[in-house]
Amino acid sequence: MNSLVSVTLEVPDPGAAEAFYAAAFGLDGTVRIRASDAPTTGFRGYTLSLVVSQPSTVDSLIGTALDAGATALKPVAKSFWGYGGVVQAPDGAIWTIATSSKKETGPPTRQVDDIVLLLGVVDVKASKRFYVDRGLAIGKSFGSKYVEFDTASSPVKLSLYSRRPFTDPDGFAWETASTRARSV
């Protein structure tokens, strides 16, 4: 079975991003940083999630992220499914920190149970087929709305959700490999 061992984020200032991620989340190599000159404002088509065991750990990680320079996008709150909040890192990456538990089970920690890369895709069925063809097994699938891959042995989990076509507010010209091939 294939696995995902890390997520590489392209950022304009790798030193600042590495300092932020060490202070905010302490993910020890699971999130890697690479320099990029590409525009990075606006939604990039993915969200990263940290799944933790209890509400006080959510509060702890959100607090350290905000102290390290993140911006709150969705305040921490209880919901039907649990407890969590959303922040945007200084490099622009969006992070959800959440737990399905609504009760404390001990003192707060900085222990992250799962890191989830959630990709917003236009065609969930086609994207699911792409990853299955590359050796990932399906864990859960809800038709054309959501897919979670079975990556039990991986430090990073992968999921897909249905999203309308992406329009970049910066006007950056996104292109696919097939578009580049035709223009050459």
Protein backbone atom coordinates (compact mmCIF):
# COMPACT_ATOMS: atom_id res chain seq x y z
CA MET A 1 0.00 0.00 0.00
CA ASN A 2 1.28 3.49 -0.83
CA SER A 3 1.67 6.09 1.87
CA LEU A 4 2.17 9.83 2.25
CA VAL A 5 5.08 10.76 4.49
CA SER A 6 5.03 14.55 4.22
CA VAL A 7 3.44 17.60 2.65
CA THR A 8 5.67 20.14 0.90
CA LEU A 9 4.47 23.74 0.93
CA GLU A 10 5.87 26.25 -1.53
CA VAL A 11 6.35 29.61 0.17
CA PRO A 12 8.02 32.93 -0.68
CA ASP A 13 10.12 32.97 2.53
CA PRO A 14 11.21 29.46 3.60
CA GLY A 15 13.04 30.66 6.74
CA ALA A 16 9.98 32.50 8.04
CA ALA A 17 7.69 29.57 7.21
CA GLU A 18 9.96 27.05 8.95
CA ALA A 19 10.07 29.27 12.05
CA PHE A 20 6.27 29.64 12.01
CA TYR A 21 5.57 25.89 11.67
CA ALA A 22 8.08 24.98 14.39
CA ALA A 23 6.56 27.51 16.81
CA ALA A 24 2.92 26.95 15.88
CA PHE A 25 2.62 23.20 15.43
CA GLY A 26 6.01 21.48 15.87
CA LEU A 27 5.32 18.92 13.13
CA ASP A 28 8.90 17.56 12.91
CA GLY A 29 9.42 17.10 9.16
CA THR A 30 5.87 16.09 8.26
CA VAL A 31 5.45 19.55 6.72
CA ARG A 32 8.34 20.50 4.48
CA ILE A 33 9.04 23.92 3.00
CA ARG A 34 10.32 24.86 -0.46
CA ALA A 35 10.96 28.31 -1.93
CA SER A 36 8.59 29.56 -4.62
CA ASP A 37 8.17 32.79 -6.54
CA ALA A 38 4.57 31.99 -7.57
CA PRO A 39 1.80 34.20 -6.16
CA THR A 40 0.37 32.70 -2.98
CA THR A 41 -2.61 34.80 -1.93
CA GLY A 42 -6.14 33.43 -2.02
CA PHE A 43 -7.40 29.88 -1.61
CA ARG A 44 -5.01 27.38 -3.18
CA GLY A 45 -7.36 24.42 -3.61
CA TYR A 46 -6.40 22.60 -0.42
CA THR A 47 -6.76 22.79 3.34
CA LEU A 48 -4.56 21.11 5.90
CA SER A 49 -6.13 19.75 9.08
CA LEU A 50 -4.64 18.78 12.40
CA VAL A 51 -6.84 16.27 14.20
CA VAL A 52 -6.25 16.14 17.94
CA SER A 53 -7.71 14.31 20.94
CA GLN A 54 -9.47 17.03 22.95
CA PRO A 55 -10.66 20.67 22.98
CA SER A 56 -7.81 22.00 25.16
CA THR A 57 -5.29 20.73 22.60
CA VAL A 58 -7.20 22.59 19.87
CA ASP A 59 -7.02 25.74 22.01
CA SER A 60 -3.30 25.21 22.65
CA LEU A 61 -2.40 24.77 18.95
CA ILE A 62 -4.64 27.63 17.77
CA GLY A 63 -3.11 29.86 20.46
CA THR A 64 0.48 29.06 19.48
CA ALA A 65 -0.38 29.54 15.78
CA LEU A 66 -1.90 32.97 16.49
CA ASP A 67 1.08 33.91 18.69
CA ALA A 68 3.44 32.87 15.87
CA GLY A 69 1.65 35.15 13.35
CA ALA A 70 -1.35 33.22 11.99
CA THR A 71 -4.66 34.96 11.30
CA ALA A 72 -7.92 33.57 12.69
CA LEU A 73 -10.34 32.71 9.87
CA LYS A 74 -12.94 30.86 11.94
CA PRO A 75 -12.95 31.24 15.72
CA VAL A 76 -12.68 28.12 17.83
CA ALA A 77 -16.15 26.84 18.69
CA LYS A 78 -18.21 23.76 19.52
CA SER A 79 -20.19 22.33 16.66
CA PHE A 80 -22.34 19.31 15.90
CA TRP A 81 -19.26 17.26 14.97
CA GLY A 82 -16.89 18.41 17.76
CA TYR A 83 -14.69 21.40 18.47
CA GLY A 84 -12.30 23.34 16.26
CA GLY A 85 -11.18 26.48 14.47
CA VAL A 86 -9.42 27.64 11.32
CA VAL A 87 -6.30 29.78 10.92
CA GLN A 88 -4.28 31.04 7.98
CA ALA A 89 -0.51 30.76 8.28
CA PRO A 90 1.59 33.80 7.30
CA ASP A 91 2.53 31.95 4.07
CA GLY A 92 -1.18 31.70 3.16
CA ALA A 93 -1.83 28.02 3.93
CA ILE A 94 -5.18 27.37 5.61
CA TRP A 95 -5.19 25.09 8.65
CA THR A 96 -8.14 23.54 10.47
CA ILE A 97 -7.40 22.34 13.99
CA ALA A 98 -10.16 20.11 15.34
CA THR A 99 -11.28 17.27 17.56
CA SER A 100 -14.39 15.12 17.47
CA SER A 101 -14.33 15.04 21.28
CA LYS A 102 -16.39 17.62 23.14
CA LYS A 103 -14.96 16.68 26.57
CA GLU A 104 -11.53 17.03 28.11
CA THR A 105 -9.70 13.78 28.80
CA GLY A 106 -6.62 15.27 30.46
CA PRO A 107 -4.31 18.26 30.40
CA PRO A 108 -3.73 20.03 27.07
CA THR A 109 -0.93 18.67 24.90
CA ARG A 110 0.62 19.53 21.54
CA GLN A 111 0.07 15.96 20.31
CA VAL A 112 -1.32 15.80 16.76
CA ASP A 113 -3.12 12.52 16.01
CA ASP A 114 -3.56 13.03 12.26
CA ILE A 115 -2.52 15.48 9.58
CA VAL A 116 -5.04 15.55 6.75
CA LEU A 117 -4.48 17.06 3.31
CA LEU A 118 -7.93 17.89 1.95
CA LEU A 119 -7.94 18.66 -1.78
CA GLY A 120 -10.82 20.57 -3.35
CA VAL A 121 -11.46 19.04 -6.78
CA VAL A 122 -13.99 19.68 -9.55
CA ASP A 123 -14.52 16.00 -10.39
CA VAL A 124 -14.26 13.76 -7.32
CA LYS A 125 -14.82 10.53 -9.28
CA ALA A 126 -12.03 11.27 -11.79
CA SER A 127 -9.65 12.42 -9.05
CA LYS A 128 -10.46 9.33 -6.97
CA ARG A 129 -9.67 7.14 -9.99
CA PHE A 130 -6.34 9.00 -10.44
CA TYR A 131 -5.20 8.20 -6.90
CA VAL A 132 -6.54 4.63 -6.94
CA ASP A 133 -4.58 4.03 -10.17
CA ARG A 134 -1.46 5.10 -8.25
CA GLY A 135 -1.98 2.57 -5.48
CA LEU A 136 -4.06 4.35 -2.84
CA ALA A 137 -6.98 2.38 -1.41
CA ILE A 138 -10.33 3.99 -0.62
CA GLY A 139 -11.24 4.21 3.05
CA LYS A 140 -14.57 6.06 2.78
CA SER A 141 -16.44 7.37 -0.22
CA PHE A 142 -19.60 9.43 -0.38
CA GLY A 143 -20.34 9.37 -4.11
CA SER A 144 -19.21 12.47 -5.96
CA LYS A 145 -18.93 14.62 -2.80
CA TYR A 146 -16.11 13.23 -0.63
CA VAL A 147 -13.41 10.53 -0.62
CA GLU A 148 -11.05 9.57 2.16
CA PHE A 149 -8.15 7.29 1.26
CA ASP A 150 -7.02 4.46 3.52
CA THR A 151 -3.55 5.61 4.48
CA ALA A 152 -3.48 4.01 7.94
CA SER A 153 0.31 3.62 7.96
CA SER A 154 0.91 7.19 6.74
CA PRO A 155 1.65 10.24 8.87
CA VAL A 156 -0.40 12.27 6.34
CA LYS A 157 -3.96 11.35 5.35
CA LEU A 158 -5.43 12.33 1.96
CA SER A 159 -9.05 13.29 1.25
CA LEU A 160 -10.91 14.86 -1.67
CA TYR A 161 -14.03 16.97 -1.63
CA SER A 162 -16.19 18.43 -4.36
CA ARG A 163 -15.46 22.05 -5.16
CA ARG A 164 -16.56 24.41 -7.88
CA PRO A 165 -13.89 25.35 -10.45
CA PHE A 166 -11.19 27.54 -8.96
CA THR A 167 -10.94 31.16 -10.03
CA ASP A 168 -7.81 32.85 -8.77
CA PRO A 169 -8.52 36.37 -7.46
CA ASP A 170 -4.94 37.43 -8.32
CA GLY A 171 -5.41 36.67 -12.01
CA PHE A 172 -2.52 34.20 -11.93
CA ALA A 173 -2.64 32.09 -15.11
CA TRP A 174 -2.95 28.47 -13.95
CA GLU A 175 -2.20 25.86 -16.55
CA THR A 176 -2.11 22.10 -16.74
CA ALA A 177 0.63 19.97 -18.25
CA SER A 178 -1.56 19.42 -21.33
CA THR A 179 -2.05 23.17 -21.75
CA ARG A 180 1.72 23.75 -21.57
CA ALA A 181 2.35 20.95 -24.08
CA ARG A 182 -0.07 22.52 -26.60
CA SER A 183 1.47 25.99 -26.21
CA VAL A 184 5.05 24.85 -26.84
